[in-house]
PDB file of N, CA and C in Angstrom:
ATOM      1  N   HIS A   1       0.211  92.811 127.182  1.00  0.00           N
ATOM      2  CA  HIS A   1       1.108  92.054 128.031  1.00  0.00           C
ATOM      3  C   HIS A   1       1.909  93.033 128.881  1.00  0.00           C
ATOM      4  N   LEU A   2       1.919  92.830 130.201  1.00  0.00           N
ATOM      5  CA  LEU A   2       2.619  93.724 131.125  1.00  0.00           C
ATOM      6  C   LEU A   2       4.046  93.253 131.357  1.00  0.00           C
ATOM      7  N   SER A   3       4.956  94.202 131.425  1.00  0.00           N
ATOM      8  CA  SER A   3       6.333  93.850 131.781  1.00  0.00           C
ATOM      9  C   SER A   3       6.426  93.724 133.293  1.00  0.00           C
ATOM     10  N   THR A   4       7.496  93.133 133.787  1.00  0.00           N
ATOM     11  CA  THR A   4       7.654  92.949 135.228  1.00  0.00           C
ATOM     12  C   THR A   4       7.766  94.279 135.964  1.00  0.00           C
ATOM     13  N   THR A   5       8.205  95.326 135.304  1.00  0.00           N
ATOM     14  CA  THR A   5       8.286  96.631 135.969  1.00  0.00           C
ATOM     15  C   THR A   5       6.910  97.254 136.136  1.00  0.00           C
ATOM     16  N   GLN A   6       5.929  96.810 135.355  1.00  0.00           N
ATOM     17  CA  GLN A   6       4.579  97.339 135.472  1.00  0.00           C
ATOM     18  C   GLN A   6       3.749  96.604 136.524  1.00  0.00           C
ATOM     19  N   LEU A   7       4.159  95.422 136.890  1.00  0.00           N
ATOM     20  CA  LEU A   7       3.418  94.645 137.868  1.00  0.00           C
ATOM     21  C   LEU A   7       3.745  95.111 139.280  1.00  0.00           C
ATOM     22  N   LYS A   8       2.721  95.158 140.111  1.00  0.00           N
ATOM     23  CA  LYS A   8       2.928  95.525 141.505  1.00  0.00           C
ATOM     24  C   LYS A   8       3.289  94.286 142.317  1.00  0.00           C
ATOM     25  N   LYS A   9       4.126  94.483 143.310  1.00  0.00           N
ATOM     26  CA  LYS A   9       4.434  93.392 144.224  1.00  0.00           C
ATOM     27  C   LYS A   9       3.274  93.238 145.202  1.00  0.00           C
ATOM     28  N   PRO A  10       2.969  92.005 145.604  1.00  0.00           N
ATOM     29  CA  PRO A  10       1.899  91.805 146.580  1.00  0.00           C
ATOM     30  C   PRO A  10       2.238  92.491 147.909  1.00  0.00           C
ATOM     31  N   SER A  11       1.323  93.291 148.397  1.00  0.00           N
ATOM     32  CA  SER A  11       1.510  93.935 149.698  1.00  0.00           C
ATOM     33  C   SER A  11       0.158  94.393 150.213  1.00  0.00           C
ATOM     34  N   GLU A  12       0.108  94.666 151.483  1.00  0.00           N
ATOM     35  CA  GLU A  12      -1.119  95.182 152.092  1.00  0.00           C
ATOM     36  C   GLU A  12      -1.530  96.492 151.422  1.00  0.00           C
ATOM     37  N   GLU A  13      -0.581  97.413 151.254  1.00  0.00           N
ATOM     38  CA  GLU A  13      -0.889  98.707 150.654  1.00  0.00           C
ATOM     39  C   GLU A  13      -1.399  98.565 149.221  1.00  0.00           C
ATOM     40  N   ASN A  14      -0.848  97.626 148.469  1.00  0.00           N
ATOM     41  CA  ASN A  14      -1.303  97.433 147.098  1.00  0.00           C
ATOM     42  C   ASN A  14      -2.718  96.863 147.030  1.00  0.00           C
ATOM     43  N   THR A  15      -3.098  96.029 148.000  1.00  0.00           N
ATOM     44  CA  THR A  15      -4.487  95.539 148.007  1.00  0.00           C
ATOM     45  C   THR A  15      -5.445  96.688 148.309  1.00  0.00           C
ATOM     46  N   TYR A  16      -5.016  97.620 149.168  1.00  0.00           N
ATOM     47  CA  TYR A  16      -5.851  98.799 149.443  1.00  0.00           C
ATOM     48  C   TYR A  16      -5.974  99.657 148.179  1.00  0.00           C
ATOM     49  N   ALA A  17      -4.876  99.841 147.465  1.00  0.00           N
ATOM     50  CA  ALA A  17      -4.902 100.626 146.234  1.00  0.00           C
ATOM     51  C   ALA A  17      -5.803  99.958 145.195  1.00  0.00           C
ATOM     52  N   ASP A  18      -5.770  98.634 145.141  1.00  0.00           N
ATOM     53  CA  ASP A  18      -6.600  97.910 144.179  1.00  0.00           C
ATOM     54  C   ASP A  18      -8.083  98.097 144.459  1.00  0.00           C
ATOM     55  N   ILE A  19      -8.495  97.938 145.725  1.00  0.00           N
ATOM     56  CA  ILE A  19      -9.922  98.059 146.028  1.00  0.00           C
ATOM     57  C   ILE A  19     -10.397  99.498 145.862  1.00  0.00           C
ATOM     58  N   GLU A  20      -9.524 100.459 146.148  1.00  0.00           N
ATOM     59  CA  GLU A  20      -9.882 101.858 145.922  1.00  0.00           C
ATOM     60  C   GLU A  20     -10.028 102.144 144.425  1.00  0.00           C
ATOM     61  N   ALA A  21      -9.192 101.519 143.587  1.00  0.00           N
ATOM     62  CA  ALA A  21      -9.285 101.687 142.140  1.00  0.00           C
ATOM     63  C   ALA A  21     -10.593 101.095 141.611  1.00  0.00           C
ATOM     64  N   VAL A  22     -10.983  99.954 142.139  1.00  0.00           N
ATOM     65  CA  VAL A  22     -12.241  99.334 141.724  1.00  0.00           C
ATOM     66  C   VAL A  22     -13.407 100.246 142.097  1.00  0.00           C
ATOM     67  N   TYR A  23     -13.386 100.784 143.308  1.00  0.00           N
ATOM     68  CA  TYR A  23     -14.461 101.691 143.729  1.00  0.00           C
ATOM     69  C   TYR A  23     -14.503 102.936 142.843  1.00  0.00           C
ATOM     70  N   GLN A  24     -13.351 103.515 142.553  1.00  0.00           N
ATOM     71  CA  GLN A  24     -13.303 104.702 141.686  1.00  0.00           C
ATOM     72  C   GLN A  24     -13.872 104.389 140.303  1.00  0.00           C
ATOM     73  N   CYS A  25     -13.584 103.211 139.773  1.00  0.00           N
ATOM     74  CA  CYS A  25     -14.115 102.795 138.476  1.00  0.00           C
ATOM     75  C   CYS A  25     -15.636 102.672 138.542  1.00  0.00           C
ATOM     76  N   LEU A  26     -16.143 102.027 139.581  1.00  0.00           N
ATOM     77  CA  LEU A  26     -17.591 101.888 139.726  1.00  0.00           C
ATOM     78  C   LEU A  26     -18.272 103.248 139.810  1.00  0.00           C
ATOM     79  N   GLU A  27     -17.634 104.156 140.534  1.00  0.00           N
ATOM     80  CA  GLU A  27     -18.206 105.486 140.730  1.00  0.00           C
ATOM     81  C   GLU A  27     -18.141 106.327 139.449  1.00  0.00           C
ATOM     82  N   THR A  28     -16.981 106.384 138.809  1.00  0.00           N
ATOM     83  CA  THR A  28     -16.802 107.284 137.664  1.00  0.00           C
ATOM     84  C   THR A  28     -17.280 106.687 136.344  1.00  0.00           C
ATOM     85  N   GLU A  29     -17.002 105.418 136.115  1.00  0.00           N
ATOM     86  CA  GLU A  29     -17.360 104.797 134.838  1.00  0.00           C
ATOM     87  C   GLU A  29     -18.806 104.287 134.790  1.00  0.00           C
ATOM     88  N   TYR A  30     -19.324 103.865 135.944  1.00  0.00           N
ATOM     89  CA  TYR A  30     -20.647 103.255 135.965  1.00  0.00           C
ATOM     90  C   TYR A  30     -21.678 104.061 136.753  1.00  0.00           C
ATOM     91  N   GLY A  31     -21.257 105.141 137.393  1.00  0.00           N
ATOM     92  CA  GLY A  31     -22.179 105.999 138.127  1.00  0.00           C
ATOM     93  C   GLY A  31     -22.808 105.362 139.348  1.00  0.00           C
ATOM     94  N   ILE A  32     -22.108 104.418 139.948  1.00  0.00           N
ATOM     95  CA  ILE A  32     -22.633 103.735 141.135  1.00  0.00           C
ATOM     96  C   ILE A  32     -22.153 104.473 142.378  1.00  0.00           C
ATOM     97  N   SER A  33     -23.105 104.835 143.229  1.00  0.00           N
ATOM     98  CA  SER A  33     -22.748 105.553 144.461  1.00  0.00           C
ATOM     99  C   SER A  33     -22.525 104.564 145.593  1.00  0.00           C
ATOM    100  N   GLN A  34     -21.874 105.027 146.644  1.00  0.00           N
ATOM    101  CA  GLN A  34     -21.596 104.135 147.771  1.00  0.00           C
ATOM    102  C   GLN A  34     -22.884 103.662 148.440  1.00  0.00           C
ATOM    103  N   GLU A  35     -23.953 104.443 148.351  1.00  0.00           N
ATOM    104  CA  GLU A  35     -25.227 104.042 148.942  1.00  0.00           C
ATOM    105  C   GLU A  35     -25.810 102.804 148.265  1.00  0.00           C
ATOM    106  N   GLU A  36     -25.336 102.491 147.066  1.00  0.00           N
ATOM    107  CA  GLU A  36     -25.826 101.341 146.312  1.00  0.00           C
ATOM    108  C   GLU A  36     -24.952 100.103 146.490  1.00  0.00           C
ATOM    109  N   LEU A  37     -23.832 100.231 147.188  1.00  0.00           N
ATOM    110  CA  LEU A  37     -22.857  99.147 147.278  1.00  0.00           C
ATOM    111  C   LEU A  37     -22.958  98.343 148.562  1.00  0.00           C
ATOM    112  N   ILE A  38     -22.848  97.041 148.404  1.00  0.00           N
ATOM    113  CA  ILE A  38     -22.636  96.129 149.529  1.00  0.00           C
ATOM    114  C   ILE A  38     -21.290  95.477 149.266  1.00  0.00           C
ATOM    115  N   LEU A  39     -20.340  95.718 150.147  1.00  0.00           N
ATOM    116  CA  LEU A  39     -19.002  95.142 149.984  1.00  0.00           C
ATOM    117  C   LEU A  39     -18.963  93.749 150.598  1.00  0.00           C
ATOM    118  N   TYR A  40     -18.170  92.863 149.982  1.00  0.00           N
ATOM    119  CA  TYR A  40     -18.008  91.491 150.459  1.00  0.00           C
ATOM    120  C   TYR A  40     -16.523  91.196 150.584  1.00  0.00           C
ATOM    121  N   GLY A  41     -16.127  90.662 151.731  1.00  0.00           N
ATOM    122  CA  GLY A  41     -14.736  90.257 151.919  1.00  0.00           C
ATOM    123  C   GLY A  41     -14.679  88.915 152.613  1.00  0.00           C
ATOM    124  N   GLN A  42     -13.843  88.024 152.083  1.00  0.00           N
ATOM    125  CA  GLN A  42     -13.687  86.698 152.679  1.00  0.00           C
ATOM    126  C   GLN A  42     -12.239  86.475 153.083  1.00  0.00           C
ATOM    127  N   SER A  43     -12.045  86.002 154.311  1.00  0.00           N
ATOM    128  CA  SER A  43     -10.720  85.680 154.834  1.00  0.00           C
ATOM    129  C   SER A  43      -9.779  86.880 154.706  1.00  0.00           C
ATOM    130  N   VAL A  44      -8.672  86.734 154.014  1.00  0.00           N
ATOM    131  CA  VAL A  44      -7.724  87.845 153.855  1.00  0.00           C
ATOM    132  C   VAL A  44      -8.366  89.006 153.091  1.00  0.00           C
ATOM    133  N   GLY A  45      -9.336  88.708 152.233  1.00  0.00           N
ATOM    134  CA  GLY A  45     -10.047  89.747 151.502  1.00  0.00           C
ATOM    135  C   GLY A  45     -10.849  90.680 152.394  1.00  0.00           C
ATOM    136  N   SER A  46     -11.044  90.282 153.653  1.00  0.00           N
ATOM    137  CA  SER A  46     -11.736  91.166 154.590  1.00  0.00           C
ATOM    138  C   SER A  46     -10.895  92.397 154.917  1.00  0.00           C
ATOM    139  N   GLY A  47      -9.573  92.307 154.741  1.00  0.00           N
ATOM    140  CA  GLY A  47      -8.697  93.453 155.001  1.00  0.00           C
ATOM    141  C   GLY A  47      -8.969  94.614 154.066  1.00  0.00           C
ATOM    142  N   PRO A  48      -8.853  94.410 152.750  1.00  0.00           N
ATOM    143  CA  PRO A  48      -9.169  95.489 151.825  1.00  0.00           C
ATOM    144  C   PRO A  48     -10.634  95.942 151.921  1.00  0.00           C
ATOM    145  N   THR A  49     -11.533  94.991 152.165  1.00  0.00           N
ATOM    146  CA  THR A  49     -12.951  95.339 152.276  1.00  0.00           C
ATOM    147  C   THR A  49     -13.188  96.296 153.434  1.00  0.00           C
ATOM    148  N   LEU A  50     -12.634  95.994 154.600  1.00  0.00           N
ATOM    149  CA  LEU A  50     -12.818  96.886 155.755  1.00  0.00           C
ATOM    150  C   LEU A  50     -12.057  98.186 155.588  1.00  0.00           C
ATOM    151  N   HIS A  51     -10.948  98.155 154.883  1.00  0.00           N
ATOM    152  CA  HIS A  51     -10.219  99.392 154.592  1.00  0.00           C
ATOM    153  C   HIS A  51     -11.134 100.353 153.837  1.00  0.00           C
ATOM    154  N   LEU A  52     -11.764  99.869 152.774  1.00  0.00           N
ATOM    155  CA  LEU A  52     -12.646 100.725 151.987  1.00  0.00           C
ATOM    156  C   LEU A  52     -13.900 101.096 152.773  1.00  0.00           C
ATOM    157  N   ALA A  53     -14.479 100.136 153.472  1.00  0.00           N
ATOM    158  CA  ALA A  53     -15.699 100.406 154.243  1.00  0.00           C
ATOM    159  C   ALA A  53     -15.464 101.458 155.323  1.00  0.00           C
ATOM    160  N   SER A  54     -14.274 101.493 155.889  1.00  0.00           N
ATOM    161  CA  SER A  54     -13.978 102.475 156.941  1.00  0.00           C
ATOM    162  C   SER A  54     -13.849 103.884 156.378  1.00  0.00           C
ATOM    163  N   ARG A  55     -13.720 104.003 155.060  1.00  0.00           N
ATOM    164  CA  ARG A  55     -13.568 105.306 154.405  1.00  0.00           C
ATOM    165  C   ARG A  55     -14.842 105.788 153.719  1.00  0.00           C
ATOM    166  N   LEU A  56     -15.836 104.907 153.607  1.00  0.00           N
ATOM    167  CA  LEU A  56     -17.083 105.258 152.920  1.00  0.00           C
ATOM    168  C   LEU A  56     -18.251 105.199 153.913  1.00  0.00           C
ATOM    169  N   PRO A  57     -18.664 106.325 154.463  1.00  0.00           N
ATOM    170  CA  PRO A  57     -19.654 106.320 155.543  1.00  0.00           C
ATOM    171  C   PRO A  57     -21.091 106.006 155.116  1.00  0.00           C
ATOM    172  N   ARG A  58     -21.376 105.997 153.824  1.00  0.00           N
ATOM    173  CA  ARG A  58     -22.759 105.811 153.390  1.00  0.00           C
ATOM    174  C   ARG A  58     -22.975 104.506 152.613  1.00  0.00           C
ATOM    175  N   LEU A  59     -22.143 103.520 152.841  1.00  0.00           N
ATOM    176  CA  LEU A  59     -22.318 102.226 152.171  1.00  0.00           C
ATOM    177  C   LEU A  59     -23.643 101.594 152.556  1.00  0.00           C
ATOM    178  N   ARG A  60     -24.194 100.788 151.650  1.00  0.00           N
ATOM    179  CA  ARG A  60     -25.428 100.052 151.948  1.00  0.00           C
ATOM    180  C   ARG A  60     -25.158  98.977 153.004  1.00  0.00           C
ATOM    181  N   GLY A  61     -23.984  98.317 152.907  1.00  0.00           N
ATOM    182  CA  GLY A  61     -23.666  97.279 153.877  1.00  0.00           C
ATOM    183  C   GLY A  61     -22.341  96.606 153.569  1.00  0.00           C
ATOM    184  N   VAL A  62     -21.919  95.748 154.503  1.00  0.00           N
ATOM    185  CA  VAL A  62     -20.682  94.967 154.364  1.00  0.00           C
ATOM    186  C   VAL A  62     -20.984  93.541 154.805  1.00  0.00           C
ATOM    187  N   VAL A  63     -20.470  92.575 154.041  1.00  0.00           N
ATOM    188  CA  VAL A  63     -20.550  91.164 154.405  1.00  0.00           C
ATOM    189  C   VAL A  63     -19.126  90.676 154.615  1.00  0.00           C
ATOM    190  N   LEU A  64     -18.862  90.133 155.799  1.00  0.00           N
ATOM    191  CA  LEU A  64     -17.548  89.572 156.125  1.00  0.00           C
ATOM    192  C   LEU A  64     -17.709  88.070 156.318  1.00  0.00           C
ATOM    193  N   HIS A  65     -17.044  87.311 155.471  1.00  0.00           N
ATOM    194  CA  HIS A  65     -17.143  85.856 155.492  1.00  0.00           C
ATOM    195  C   HIS A  65     -15.820  85.279 155.998  1.00  0.00           C
ATOM    196  N   SER A  66     -15.853  84.670 157.155  1.00  0.00           N
ATOM    197  CA  SER A  66     -14.645  84.110 157.772  1.00  0.00           C
ATOM    198  C   SER A  66     -13.526  85.150 157.808  1.00  0.00           C
ATOM    199  N   ALA A  67     -13.881  86.335 158.261  1.00  0.00           N
ATOM    200  CA  ALA A  67     -12.925  87.446 158.309  1.00  0.00           C
ATOM    201  C   ALA A  67     -11.843  87.198 159.358  1.00  0.00           C
ATOM    202  N   ILE A  68     -10.699  87.850 159.148  1.00  0.00           N
ATOM    203  CA  ILE A  68      -9.604  87.749 160.106  1.00  0.00           C
ATOM    204  C   ILE A  68      -9.602  88.999 160.992  1.00  0.00           C
ATOM    205  N   LEU A  69      -9.126  88.865 162.227  1.00  0.00           N
ATOM    206  CA  LEU A  69      -8.979  90.026 163.118  1.00  0.00           C
ATOM    207  C   LEU A  69      -7.786  90.866 162.685  1.00  0.00           C
ATOM    208  N   SER A  70      -6.696  90.189 162.366  1.00  0.00           N
ATOM    209  CA  SER A  70      -5.483  90.808 161.820  1.00  0.00           C
ATOM    210  C   SER A  70      -4.583  89.671 161.349  1.00  0.00           C
ATOM    211  N   GLY A  71      -3.555  90.023 160.582  1.00  0.00           N
ATOM    212  CA  GLY A  71      -2.653  89.001 160.058  1.00  0.00           C
ATOM    213  C   GLY A  71      -1.981  88.180 161.141  1.00  0.00           C
ATOM    214  N   LEU A  72      -1.370  88.855 162.104  1.00  0.00           N
ATOM    215  CA  LEU A  72      -0.638  88.133 163.154  1.00  0.00           C
ATOM    216  C   LEU A  72      -1.555  87.441 164.149  1.00  0.00           C
ATOM    217  N   ARG A  73      -2.744  87.963 164.353  1.00  0.00           N
ATOM    218  CA  ARG A  73      -3.675  87.291 165.265  1.00  0.00           C
ATOM    219  C   ARG A  73      -4.056  85.915 164.722  1.00  0.00           C
ATOM    220  N   VAL A  74      -4.079  85.776 163.410  1.00  0.00           N
ATOM    221  CA  VAL A  74      -4.382  84.483 162.797  1.00  0.00           C
ATOM    222  C   VAL A  74      -3.189  83.545 162.926  1.00  0.00           C
ATOM    223  N   VAL A  75      -2.005  84.038 162.597  1.00  0.00           N
ATOM    224  CA  VAL A  75      -0.810  83.207 162.561  1.00  0.00           C
ATOM    225  C   VAL A  75      -0.291  82.859 163.958  1.00  0.00           C
ATOM    226  N   CYS A  76      -0.268  83.850 164.850  1.00  0.00           N
ATOM    227  CA  CYS A  76       0.370  83.667 166.160  1.00  0.00           C
ATOM    228  C   CYS A  76      -0.607  83.407 167.298  1.00  0.00           C
ATOM    229  N   HIS A  77      -1.908  83.513 167.038  1.00  0.00           N
ATOM    230  CA  HIS A  77      -2.932  83.287 168.055  1.00  0.00           C
ATOM    231  C   HIS A  77      -2.729  84.164 169.285  1.00  0.00           C
ATOM    232  N   VAL A  78      -2.530  85.461 169.056  1.00  0.00           N
ATOM    233  CA  VAL A  78      -2.380  86.414 170.145  1.00  0.00           C
ATOM    234  C   VAL A  78      -3.637  87.275 170.245  1.00  0.00           C
ATOM    235  N   ASN A  79      -3.809  87.943 171.372  1.00  0.00           N
ATOM    236  CA  ASN A  79      -4.993  88.767 171.599  1.00  0.00           C
ATOM    237  C   ASN A  79      -4.689  90.255 171.562  1.00  0.00           C
ATOM    238  N   PHE A  80      -3.642  90.652 170.884  1.00  0.00           N
ATOM    239  CA  PHE A  80      -3.303  92.066 170.762  1.00  0.00           C
ATOM    240  C   PHE A  80      -2.733  92.297 169.372  1.00  0.00           C
ATOM    241  N   THR A  81      -2.660  93.563 168.992  1.00  0.00           N
ATOM    242  CA  THR A  81      -2.204  93.920 167.656  1.00  0.00           C
ATOM    243  C   THR A  81      -0.830  94.568 167.734  1.00  0.00           C
ATOM    244  N   PHE A  82       0.101  94.068 166.948  1.00  0.00           N
ATOM    245  CA  PHE A  82       1.440  94.645 166.872  1.00  0.00           C
ATOM    246  C   PHE A  82       1.433  95.825 165.906  1.00  0.00           C
ATOM    247  N   CYS A  83       2.350  96.755 166.079  1.00  0.00           N
ATOM    248  CA  CYS A  83       2.426  97.914 165.182  1.00  0.00           C
ATOM    249  C   CYS A  83       2.769  97.494 163.754  1.00  0.00           C
ATOM    250  N   PHE A  84       3.467  96.388 163.574  1.00  0.00           N
ATOM    251  CA  PHE A  84       3.869  95.920 162.247  1.00  0.00           C
ATOM    252  C   PHE A  84       2.899  94.881 161.674  1.00  0.00           C
ATOM    253  N   ASP A  85       1.774  94.682 162.334  1.00  0.00           N
ATOM    254  CA  ASP A  85       0.774  93.723 161.886  1.00  0.00           C
ATOM    255  C   ASP A  85       0.129  94.193 160.577  1.00  0.00           C
ATOM    256  N   ILE A  86      -0.464  93.272 159.842  1.00  0.00           N
ATOM    257  CA  ILE A  86      -1.170  93.638 158.602  1.00  0.00           C
ATOM    258  C   ILE A  86      -2.666  93.392 158.780  1.00  0.00           C
ATOM    259  N   TYR A  87      -3.451  94.092 157.979  1.00  0.00           N
ATOM    260  CA  TYR A  87      -4.908  93.979 157.991  1.00  0.00           C
ATOM    261  C   TYR A  87      -5.467  94.039 159.414  1.00  0.00           C
ATOM    262  N   LYS A  88      -5.317  95.178 160.028  1.00  0.00           N
ATOM    263  CA  LYS A  88      -5.777  95.374 161.407  1.00  0.00           C
ATOM    264  C   LYS A  88      -7.292  95.578 161.431  1.00  0.00           C
ATOM    265  N   ASN A  89      -8.012  94.547 161.011  1.00  0.00           N
ATOM    266  CA  ASN A  89      -9.468  94.610 160.911  1.00  0.00           C
ATOM    267  C   ASN A  89     -10.132  94.886 162.246  1.00  0.00           C
ATOM    268  N   VAL A  90      -9.574  94.351 163.300  1.00  0.00           N
ATOM    269  CA  VAL A  90     -10.157  94.521 164.627  1.00  0.00           C
ATOM    270  C   VAL A  90     -10.227  96.009 165.006  1.00  0.00           C
ATOM    271  N   LYS A  91      -9.344  96.821 164.463  1.00  0.00           N
ATOM    272  CA  LYS A  91      -9.370  98.265 164.715  1.00  0.00           C
ATOM    273  C   LYS A  91     -10.203  99.001 163.668  1.00  0.00           C
ATOM    274  N   LYS A  92     -10.132  98.562 162.421  1.00  0.00           N
ATOM    275  CA  LYS A  92     -10.834  99.270 161.337  1.00  0.00           C
ATOM    276  C   LYS A  92     -12.344  99.108 161.408  1.00  0.00           C
ATOM    277  N   ILE A  93     -12.819  97.995 161.927  1.00  0.00           N
ATOM    278  CA  ILE A  93     -14.261  97.774 161.930  1.00  0.00           C
ATOM    279  C   ILE A  93     -14.984  98.806 162.803  1.00  0.00           C
ATOM    280  N   LYS A  94     -14.281  99.367 163.750  1.00  0.00           N
ATOM    281  CA  LYS A  94     -14.874 100.396 164.609  1.00  0.00           C
ATOM    282  C   LYS A  94     -15.212 101.662 163.830  1.00  0.00           C
ATOM    283  N   LYS A  95     -14.610 101.845 162.656  1.00  0.00           N
ATOM    284  CA  LYS A  95     -14.848 103.034 161.835  1.00  0.00           C
ATOM    285  C   LYS A  95     -15.948 102.822 160.795  1.00  0.00           C
ATOM    286  N   VAL A  96     -16.454 101.603 160.677  1.00  0.00           N
ATOM    287  CA  VAL A  96     -17.483 101.294 159.683  1.00  0.00           C
ATOM    288  C   VAL A  96     -18.831 101.787 160.196  1.00  0.00           C
ATOM    289  N   LYS A  97     -19.551 102.537 159.360  1.00  0.00           N
ATOM    290  CA  LYS A  97     -20.804 103.166 159.772  1.00  0.00           C
ATOM    291  C   LYS A  97     -22.047 102.416 159.304  1.00  0.00           C
ATOM    292  N   CYS A  98     -21.908 101.473 158.389  1.00  0.00           N
ATOM    293  CA  CYS A  98     -23.067 100.782 157.815  1.00  0.00           C
ATOM    294  C   CYS A  98     -23.294  99.433 158.515  1.00  0.00           C
ATOM    295  N   PRO A  99     -24.440  98.784 158.232  1.00  0.00           N
ATOM    296  CA  PRO A  99     -24.668  97.443 158.785  1.00  0.00           C
ATOM    297  C   PRO A  99     -23.621  96.450 158.276  1.00  0.00           C
ATOM    298  N   VAL A 100     -23.221  95.538 159.152  1.00  0.00           N
ATOM    299  CA  VAL A 100     -22.216  94.518 158.821  1.00  0.00           C
ATOM    300  C   VAL A 100     -22.793  93.149 159.158  1.00  0.00           C
ATOM    301  N   LEU A 101     -22.716  92.241 158.198  1.00  0.00           N
ATOM    302  CA  LEU A 101     -23.107  90.854 158.425  1.00  0.00           C
ATOM    303  C   LEU A 101     -21.837  90.027 158.500  1.00  0.00           C
ATOM    304  N   VAL A 102     -21.660  89.317 159.619  1.00  0.00           N
ATOM    305  CA  VAL A 102     -20.490  88.466 159.809  1.00  0.00           C
ATOM    306  C   VAL A 102     -20.932  87.013 159.653  1.00  0.00           C
ATOM    307  N   ILE A 103     -20.272  86.302 158.743  1.00  0.00           N
ATOM    308  CA  ILE A 103     -20.559  84.884 158.526  1.00  0.00           C
ATOM    309  C   ILE A 103     -19.302  84.112 158.885  1.00  0.00           C
ATOM    310  N   HIS A 104     -19.463  83.124 159.757  1.00  0.00           N
ATOM    311  CA  HIS A 104     -18.310  82.347 160.168  1.00  0.00           C
ATOM    312  C   HIS A 104     -18.723  80.887 160.313  1.00  0.00           C
ATOM    313  N   VAL A 105     -17.815  79.979 160.048  1.00  0.00           N
ATOM    314  CA  VAL A 105     -18.089  78.553 160.175  1.00  0.00           C
ATOM    315  C   VAL A 105     -17.412  78.042 161.431  1.00  0.00           C
ATOM    316  N   SER A 106     -18.162  77.367 162.260  1.00  0.00           N
ATOM    317  CA  SER A 106     -17.611  76.772 163.471  1.00  0.00           C
ATOM    318  C   SER A 106     -16.814  75.524 163.103  1.00  0.00           C
ATOM    319  N   LEU A 107     -15.578  75.446 163.582  1.00  0.00           N
ATOM    320  CA  LEU A 107     -14.747  74.270 163.320  1.00  0.00           C
ATOM    321  C   LEU A 107     -15.254  73.051 164.078  1.00  0.00           C
ATOM    322  N   PHE A 108     -15.997  73.290 165.143  1.00  0.00           N
ATOM    323  CA  PHE A 108     -16.436  72.180 165.987  1.00  0.00           C
ATOM    324  C   PHE A 108     -17.726  71.537 165.471  1.00  0.00           C
ATOM    325  N   THR A 109     -18.634  72.351 164.919  1.00  0.00           N
ATOM    326  CA  THR A 109     -19.913  71.811 164.471  1.00  0.00           C
ATOM    327  C   THR A 109     -20.029  71.749 162.955  1.00  0.00           C
ATOM    328  N   ASN A 110     -19.109  72.414 162.255  1.00  0.00           N
ATOM    329  CA  ASN A 110     -19.129  72.507 160.794  1.00  0.00           C
ATOM    330  C   ASN A 110     -20.419  73.147 160.286  1.00  0.00           C
ATOM    331  N   LYS A 111     -21.023  74.015 161.101  1.00  0.00           N
ATOM    332  CA  LYS A 111     -22.228  74.724 160.709  1.00  0.00           C
ATOM    333  C   LYS A 111     -21.892  76.190 160.484  1.00  0.00           C
ATOM    334  N   THR A 112     -22.569  76.787 159.533  1.00  0.00           N
ATOM    335  CA  THR A 112     -22.391  78.208 159.261  1.00  0.00           C
ATOM    336  C   THR A 112     -23.153  79.018 160.292  1.00  0.00           C
ATOM    337  N   ILE A 113     -22.493  80.031 160.832  1.00  0.00           N
ATOM    338  CA  ILE A 113     -23.101  80.923 161.813  1.00  0.00           C
ATOM    339  C   ILE A 113     -23.201  82.295 161.168  1.00  0.00           C
ATOM    340  N   LYS A 114     -24.400  82.861 161.113  1.00  0.00           N
ATOM    341  CA  LYS A 114     -24.598  84.201 160.576  1.00  0.00           C
ATOM    342  C   LYS A 114     -24.931  85.132 161.739  1.00  0.00           C
ATOM    343  N   VAL A 115     -24.111  86.143 161.912  1.00  0.00           N
ATOM    344  CA  VAL A 115     -24.277  87.062 163.026  1.00  0.00           C
ATOM    345  C   VAL A 115     -24.424  88.477 162.497  1.00  0.00           C
ATOM    346  N   PRO A 116     -25.637  89.053 162.545  1.00  0.00           N
ATOM    347  CA  PRO A 116     -25.747  90.460 162.121  1.00  0.00           C
ATOM    348  C   PRO A 116     -25.158  91.364 163.200  1.00  0.00           C
ATOM    349  N   VAL A 117     -24.282  92.235 162.797  1.00  0.00           N
ATOM    350  CA  VAL A 117     -23.595  93.110 163.733  1.00  0.00           C
ATOM    351  C   VAL A 117     -23.707  94.553 163.231  1.00  0.00           C
ATOM    352  N   LEU A 118     -24.083  95.453 164.096  1.00  0.00           N
ATOM    353  CA  LEU A 118     -24.114  96.872 163.737  1.00  0.00           C
ATOM    354  C   LEU A 118     -23.056  97.600 164.539  1.00  0.00           C
ATOM    355  N   PHE A 119     -22.248  98.380 163.857  1.00  0.00           N
ATOM    356  CA  PHE A 119     -21.239  99.189 164.500  1.00  0.00           C
ATOM    357  C   PHE A 119     -21.562 100.651 164.244  1.00  0.00           C
ATOM    358  N   ASN A 120     -21.426 101.481 165.254  1.00  0.00           N
ATOM    359  CA  ASN A 120     -21.665 102.924 165.087  1.00  0.00           C
ATOM    360  C   ASN A 120     -20.368 103.676 165.161  1.00  0.00           C
TER     361      ASN A 120
END
């Protein structure tokens, strides 16, 4: 049982620390290399996923399901990124070296759209 002083407060930085800890565990405890990993991120989870993907150049791939461009772009419907914005995915995806599959659902047709995207 964890005390309240041991629990982390929810924050963007803590989600990055969490996904990095999971990757370190997979690598050290299970011997899984980044070449064997396909990362998956959905909605807000696309933030930590792209954070890790932007740091691992030899990943097998990334799947983004209904990913966000950034926190404020979702909430405020703006076309630019503020310095205090969270999950700046629109900037981080440019650093991803592996194949990326983007899955998004159209609100107008209610159909799933799968768009394979490669970023260099």
